[in-house]
PDB file of N, CA and C in Angstrom:
ATOM      1  N   UNK A   1      98.283  84.253  85.330  1.00  0.00           N
ATOM      2  CA  UNK A   1      98.856  84.415  86.660  1.00  0.00           C
ATOM      3  C   UNK A   1      98.744  85.905  87.035  1.00  0.00           C
ATOM      4  N   UNK A   2      98.305  86.019  88.373  1.00  0.00           N
ATOM      5  CA  UNK A   2      97.371  87.625  88.741  1.00  0.00           C
ATOM      6  C   UNK A   2      98.767  88.584  88.939  1.00  0.00           C
ATOM      7  N   UNK A   3      98.459  89.578  89.206  1.00  0.00           N
ATOM      8  CA  UNK A   3      99.492  90.574  89.630  1.00  0.00           C
ATOM      9  C   UNK A   3     100.177  90.143  90.677  1.00  0.00           C
ATOM     10  N   UNK A   4      99.374  89.794  91.864  1.00  0.00           N
ATOM     11  CA  UNK A   4     100.050  89.388  93.141  1.00  0.00           C
ATOM     12  C   UNK A   4     100.950  88.448  93.165  1.00  0.00           C
ATOM     13  N   UNK A   5     100.207  87.186  92.528  1.00  0.00           N
ATOM     14  CA  UNK A   5     100.966  86.323  92.088  1.00  0.00           C
ATOM     15  C   UNK A   5     102.655  86.599  91.603  1.00  0.00           C
ATOM     16  N   UNK A   6     102.869  87.116  90.486  1.00  0.00           N
ATOM     17  CA  UNK A   6     104.188  87.543  89.739  1.00  0.00           C
ATOM     18  C   UNK A   6     104.893  88.489  90.994  1.00  0.00           C
ATOM     19  N   UNK A   7     104.229  89.292  91.468  1.00  0.00           N
ATOM     20  CA  UNK A   7     105.064  89.875  92.370  1.00  0.00           C
ATOM     21  C   UNK A   7     105.382  88.867  93.263  1.00  0.00           C
ATOM     22  N   UNK A   8     104.726  87.963  94.147  1.00  0.00           N
ATOM     23  CA  UNK A   8     105.227  86.810  94.917  1.00  0.00           C
ATOM     24  C   UNK A   8     106.438  86.106  94.263  1.00  0.00           C
ATOM     25  N   UNK A   9     106.328  85.964  93.318  1.00  0.00           N
ATOM     26  CA  UNK A   9     107.308  84.792  92.654  1.00  0.00           C
ATOM     27  C   UNK A   9     108.596  85.730  92.298  1.00  0.00           C
ATOM     28  N   UNK A  10     108.627  87.215  91.938  1.00  0.00           N
ATOM     29  CA  UNK A  10     109.801  87.721  91.597  1.00  0.00           C
ATOM     30  C   UNK A  10     110.330  88.163  93.417  1.00  0.00           C
ATOM     31  N   UNK A  11     109.675  88.250  94.174  1.00  0.00           N
ATOM     32  CA  UNK A  11     109.971  88.137  95.695  1.00  0.00           C
ATOM     33  C   UNK A  11     110.767  86.929  96.194  1.00  0.00           C
ATOM     34  N   UNK A  12     110.538  85.627  95.988  1.00  0.00           N
ATOM     35  CA  UNK A  12     110.955  84.285  96.149  1.00  0.00           C
ATOM     36  C   UNK A  12     112.519  84.613  95.276  1.00  0.00           C
ATOM     37  N   UNK A  13     112.664  84.637  94.161  1.00  0.00           N
ATOM     38  CA  UNK A  13     113.437  84.816  93.303  1.00  0.00           C
ATOM     39  C   UNK A  13     114.680  86.022  93.513  1.00  0.00           C
ATOM     40  N   UNK A  14     114.160  87.068  94.166  1.00  0.00           N
ATOM     41  CA  UNK A  14     115.068  87.958  94.586  1.00  0.00           C
ATOM     42  C   UNK A  14     115.477  87.735  96.032  1.00  0.00           C
ATOM     43  N   UNK A  15     114.796  86.861  96.794  1.00  0.00           N
ATOM     44  CA  UNK A  15     115.426  86.220  98.033  1.00  0.00           C
ATOM     45  C   UNK A  15     116.414  85.386  97.980  1.00  0.00           C
ATOM     46  N   UNK A  16     116.350  84.444  97.044  1.00  0.00           N
ATOM     47  CA  UNK A  16     117.147  83.383  96.856  1.00  0.00           C
ATOM     48  C   UNK A  16     118.607  84.011  96.023  1.00  0.00           C
ATOM     49  N   UNK A  17     118.287  84.932  95.278  1.00  0.00           N
ATOM     50  CA  UNK A  17     119.426  85.260  94.636  1.00  0.00           C
ATOM     51  C   UNK A  17     120.393  86.326  95.810  1.00  0.00           C
ATOM     52  N   UNK A  18     119.704  87.078  96.580  1.00  0.00           N
ATOM     53  CA  UNK A  18     120.200  87.826  97.890  1.00  0.00           C
ATOM     54  C   UNK A  18     120.826  86.851  98.348  1.00  0.00           C
ATOM     55  N   UNK A  19     120.226  85.948  99.109  1.00  0.00           N
ATOM     56  CA  UNK A  19     121.131  84.872 100.234  1.00  0.00           C
ATOM     57  C   UNK A  19     122.050  84.411  99.536  1.00  0.00           C
ATOM     58  N   UNK A  20     121.679  84.016  98.169  1.00  0.00           N
ATOM     59  CA  UNK A  20     123.112  83.874  97.470  1.00  0.00           C
ATOM     60  C   UNK A  20     124.294  84.634  97.362  1.00  0.00           C
ATOM     61  N   UNK A  21     123.937  85.859  97.213  1.00  0.00           N
ATOM     62  CA  UNK A  21     125.300  86.977  96.884  1.00  0.00           C
ATOM     63  C   UNK A  21     125.765  87.255  98.372  1.00  0.00           C
ATOM     64  N   UNK A  22     124.679  87.794  99.251  1.00  0.00           N
ATOM     65  CA  UNK A  22     125.441  88.125 100.754  1.00  0.00           C
ATOM     66  C   UNK A  22     125.185  87.628 101.965  1.00  0.00           C
ATOM     67  N   UNK A  23     124.780  86.305 101.354  1.00  0.00           N
ATOM     68  CA  UNK A  23     124.791  85.530 102.804  1.00  0.00           C
ATOM     69  C   UNK A  23     123.144  85.258 103.444  1.00  0.00           C
ATOM     70  N   UNK A  24     122.808  84.687 104.354  1.00  0.00           N
ATOM     71  CA  UNK A  24     121.660  84.141 104.559  1.00  0.00           C
ATOM     72  C   UNK A  24     121.025  85.503 105.884  1.00  0.00           C
ATOM     73  N   UNK A  25     122.050  85.961 106.765  1.00  0.00           N
ATOM     74  CA  UNK A  25     121.512  86.865 107.752  1.00  0.00           C
ATOM     75  C   UNK A  25     121.276  88.250 107.076  1.00  0.00           C
ATOM     76  N   UNK A  26     122.470  88.349 106.435  1.00  0.00           N
ATOM     77  CA  UNK A  26     122.387  89.605 105.686  1.00  0.00           C
ATOM     78  C   UNK A  26     121.173  89.903 104.774  1.00  0.00           C
ATOM     79  N   UNK A  27     121.093  88.891 103.756  1.00  0.00           N
ATOM     80  CA  UNK A  27     119.919  88.917 103.003  1.00  0.00           C
ATOM     81  C   UNK A  27     118.739  88.955 103.868  1.00  0.00           C
ATOM     82  N   UNK A  28     118.465  87.969 105.126  1.00  0.00           N
ATOM     83  CA  UNK A  28     117.043  88.078 105.816  1.00  0.00           C
ATOM     84  C   UNK A  28     117.108  89.615 106.372  1.00  0.00           C
ATOM     85  N   UNK A  29     117.954  90.403 106.776  1.00  0.00           N
ATOM     86  CA  UNK A  29     118.138  91.614 107.295  1.00  0.00           C
ATOM     87  C   UNK A  29     117.767  92.646 106.215  1.00  0.00           C
ATOM     88  N   UNK A  30     118.264  92.428 105.143  1.00  0.00           N
ATOM     89  CA  UNK A  30     117.452  93.523 103.787  1.00  0.00           C
ATOM     90  C   UNK A  30     116.148  93.258 103.932  1.00  0.00           C
ATOM     91  N   UNK A  31     115.774  91.881 103.408  1.00  0.00           N
ATOM     92  CA  UNK A  31     114.264  91.811 103.140  1.00  0.00           C
ATOM     93  C   UNK A  31     113.482  91.752 104.372  1.00  0.00           C
ATOM     94  N   UNK A  32     113.722  92.059 105.246  1.00  0.00           N
ATOM     95  CA  UNK A  32     112.583  92.595 106.710  1.00  0.00           C
ATOM     96  C   UNK A  32     112.841  93.880 106.859  1.00  0.00           C
ATOM     97  N   UNK A  33     114.422  94.464 106.509  1.00  0.00           N
ATOM     98  CA  UNK A  33     114.374  95.749 107.331  1.00  0.00           C
ATOM     99  C   UNK A  33     114.042  96.828 106.115  1.00  0.00           C
ATOM    100  N   UNK A  34     113.942  96.390 104.869  1.00  0.00           N
ATOM    101  CA  UNK A  34     113.700  97.436 103.822  1.00  0.00           C
ATOM    102  C   UNK A  34     112.216  98.278 103.829  1.00  0.00           C
ATOM    103  N   UNK A  35     111.459  96.869 103.824  1.00  0.00           N
ATOM    104  CA  UNK A  35     109.908  97.230 103.850  1.00  0.00           C
ATOM    105  C   UNK A  35     109.572  97.565 104.909  1.00  0.00           C
ATOM    106  N   UNK A  36     110.458  97.369 106.412  1.00  0.00           N
ATOM    107  CA  UNK A  36     109.782  98.147 107.539  1.00  0.00           C
ATOM    108  C   UNK A  36     110.412  99.336 107.902  1.00  0.00           C
ATOM    109  N   UNK A  37     111.358  99.844 107.103  1.00  0.00           N
ATOM    110  CA  UNK A  37     111.573 101.216 107.206  1.00  0.00           C
ATOM    111  C   UNK A  37     111.069 101.823 106.033  1.00  0.00           C
ATOM    112  N   UNK A  38     110.167 101.588 105.043  1.00  0.00           N
ATOM    113  CA  UNK A  38     109.297 101.958 104.144  1.00  0.00           C
ATOM    114  C   UNK A  38     108.632 102.459 104.738  1.00  0.00           C
ATOM    115  N   UNK A  39     107.767 101.392 105.735  1.00  0.00           N
ATOM    116  CA  UNK A  39     106.356 101.884 106.292  1.00  0.00           C
ATOM    117  C   UNK A  39     106.580 102.844 107.493  1.00  0.00           C
ATOM    118  N   UNK A  40     107.799 102.787 108.102  1.00  0.00           N
ATOM    119  CA  UNK A  40     107.816 103.964 108.926  1.00  0.00           C
ATOM    120  C   UNK A  40     108.093 105.204 108.379  1.00  0.00           C
ATOM    121  N   UNK A  41     108.188 105.143 107.089  1.00  0.00           N
ATOM    122  CA  UNK A  41     108.876 106.412 106.512  1.00  0.00           C
ATOM    123  C   UNK A  41     107.340 107.162 106.337  1.00  0.00           C
ATOM    124  N   UNK A  42     106.153 106.585 105.987  1.00  0.00           N
ATOM    125  CA  UNK A  42     105.056 106.948 105.772  1.00  0.00           C
ATOM    126  C   UNK A  42     104.358 107.816 106.874  1.00  0.00           C
ATOM    127  N   UNK A  43     103.659 108.970 106.672  1.00  0.00           N
ATOM    128  CA  UNK A  43     103.325 109.755 107.781  1.00  0.00           C
ATOM    129  C   UNK A  43     101.748 108.913 108.067  1.00  0.00           C
ATOM    130  N   UNK A  44     101.063 109.465 109.367  1.00  0.00           N
ATOM    131  CA  UNK A  44     100.338 108.794 109.774  1.00  0.00           C
ATOM    132  C   UNK A  44      98.840 108.620 108.953  1.00  0.00           C
ATOM    133  N   UNK A  45      98.830 109.363 107.907  1.00  0.00           N
ATOM    134  CA  UNK A  45      97.664 109.112 107.364  1.00  0.00           C
ATOM    135  C   UNK A  45      97.869 108.017 106.267  1.00  0.00           C
ATOM    136  N   UNK A  46      98.645 107.780 105.478  1.00  0.00           N
ATOM    137  CA  UNK A  46      99.461 106.709 104.878  1.00  0.00           C
ATOM    138  C   UNK A  46      99.383 105.596 105.313  1.00  0.00           C
ATOM    139  N   UNK A  47      99.732 105.510 106.751  1.00  0.00           N
ATOM    140  CA  UNK A  47     100.027 104.213 107.419  1.00  0.00           C
ATOM    141  C   UNK A  47      98.272 103.702 107.552  1.00  0.00           C
ATOM    142  N   UNK A  48      97.499 104.591 107.885  1.00  0.00           N
ATOM    143  CA  UNK A  48      96.093 104.482 108.487  1.00  0.00           C
ATOM    144  C   UNK A  48      95.285 104.225 107.010  1.00  0.00           C
ATOM    145  N   UNK A  49      95.829 104.588 106.090  1.00  0.00           N
ATOM    146  CA  UNK A  49      95.079 103.999 104.548  1.00  0.00           C
ATOM    147  C   UNK A  49      95.919 102.790 104.541  1.00  0.00           C
ATOM    148  N   UNK A  50      97.133 102.111 104.649  1.00  0.00           N
ATOM    149  CA  UNK A  50      97.409 101.125 104.390  1.00  0.00           C
ATOM    150  C   UNK A  50      96.627  99.976 105.253  1.00  0.00           C
ATOM    151  N   UNK A  51      96.652 100.290 106.422  1.00  0.00           N
ATOM    152  CA  UNK A  51      95.937  99.489 107.278  1.00  0.00           C
ATOM    153  C   UNK A  51      94.579  99.126 106.853  1.00  0.00           C
ATOM    154  N   UNK A  52      93.640 100.077 106.758  1.00  0.00           N
ATOM    155  CA  UNK A  52      92.553  99.983 106.132  1.00  0.00           C
ATOM    156  C   UNK A  52      92.244  99.260 104.878  1.00  0.00           C
ATOM    157  N   UNK A  53      93.290  99.339 103.768  1.00  0.00           N
ATOM    158  CA  UNK A  53      92.846  98.456 103.033  1.00  0.00           C
ATOM    159  C   UNK A  53      93.237  96.950 103.050  1.00  0.00           C
ATOM    160  N   UNK A  54      94.144  96.601 103.712  1.00  0.00           N
ATOM    161  CA  UNK A  54      94.188  95.347 104.256  1.00  0.00           C
ATOM    162  C   UNK A  54      93.142  94.723 105.033  1.00  0.00           C
ATOM    163  N   UNK A  55      92.459  95.468 105.856  1.00  0.00           N
ATOM    164  CA  UNK A  55      91.174  95.066 106.585  1.00  0.00           C
ATOM    165  C   UNK A  55      90.057  94.772 105.512  1.00  0.00           C
ATOM    166  N   UNK A  56      89.955  95.543 104.715  1.00  0.00           N
ATOM    167  CA  UNK A  56      88.897  95.865 103.286  1.00  0.00           C
ATOM    168  C   UNK A  56      89.057  94.110 102.823  1.00  0.00           C
ATOM    169  N   UNK A  57      90.421  94.032 102.816  1.00  0.00           N
ATOM    170  CA  UNK A  57      90.585  92.705 102.008  1.00  0.00           C
ATOM    171  C   UNK A  57      90.495  91.479 102.692  1.00  0.00           C
ATOM    172  N   UNK A  58      90.234  91.404 104.061  1.00  0.00           N
ATOM    173  CA  UNK A  58      90.013  90.445 104.808  1.00  0.00           C
ATOM    174  C   UNK A  58      88.653  90.154 105.064  1.00  0.00           C
ATOM    175  N   UNK A  59      88.019  91.451 105.209  1.00  0.00           N
ATOM    176  CA  UNK A  59      86.103  91.570 105.081  1.00  0.00           C
ATOM    177  C   UNK A  59      85.746  90.644 103.760  1.00  0.00           C
ATOM    178  N   UNK A  60      86.357  90.788 103.293  1.00  0.00           N
ATOM    179  CA  UNK A  60      85.472  90.379 101.703  1.00  0.00           C
ATOM    180  C   UNK A  60      84.670  89.100 101.676  1.00  0.00           C
TER     181      UNK A  60
END
């Protein structure tokens, strides 16, 4: 299994545990809010680099 596959499986398991532990809406808020907040904490050059990486993968 690739590294991305392992990360995806770990994310699904974490989401299930989080939903079970704190409830659906609070878990959904954490799962969406944490990555969004992390993205907004990057400065503009780092955001540009991340957007460029995803575009390169789409163009393969």
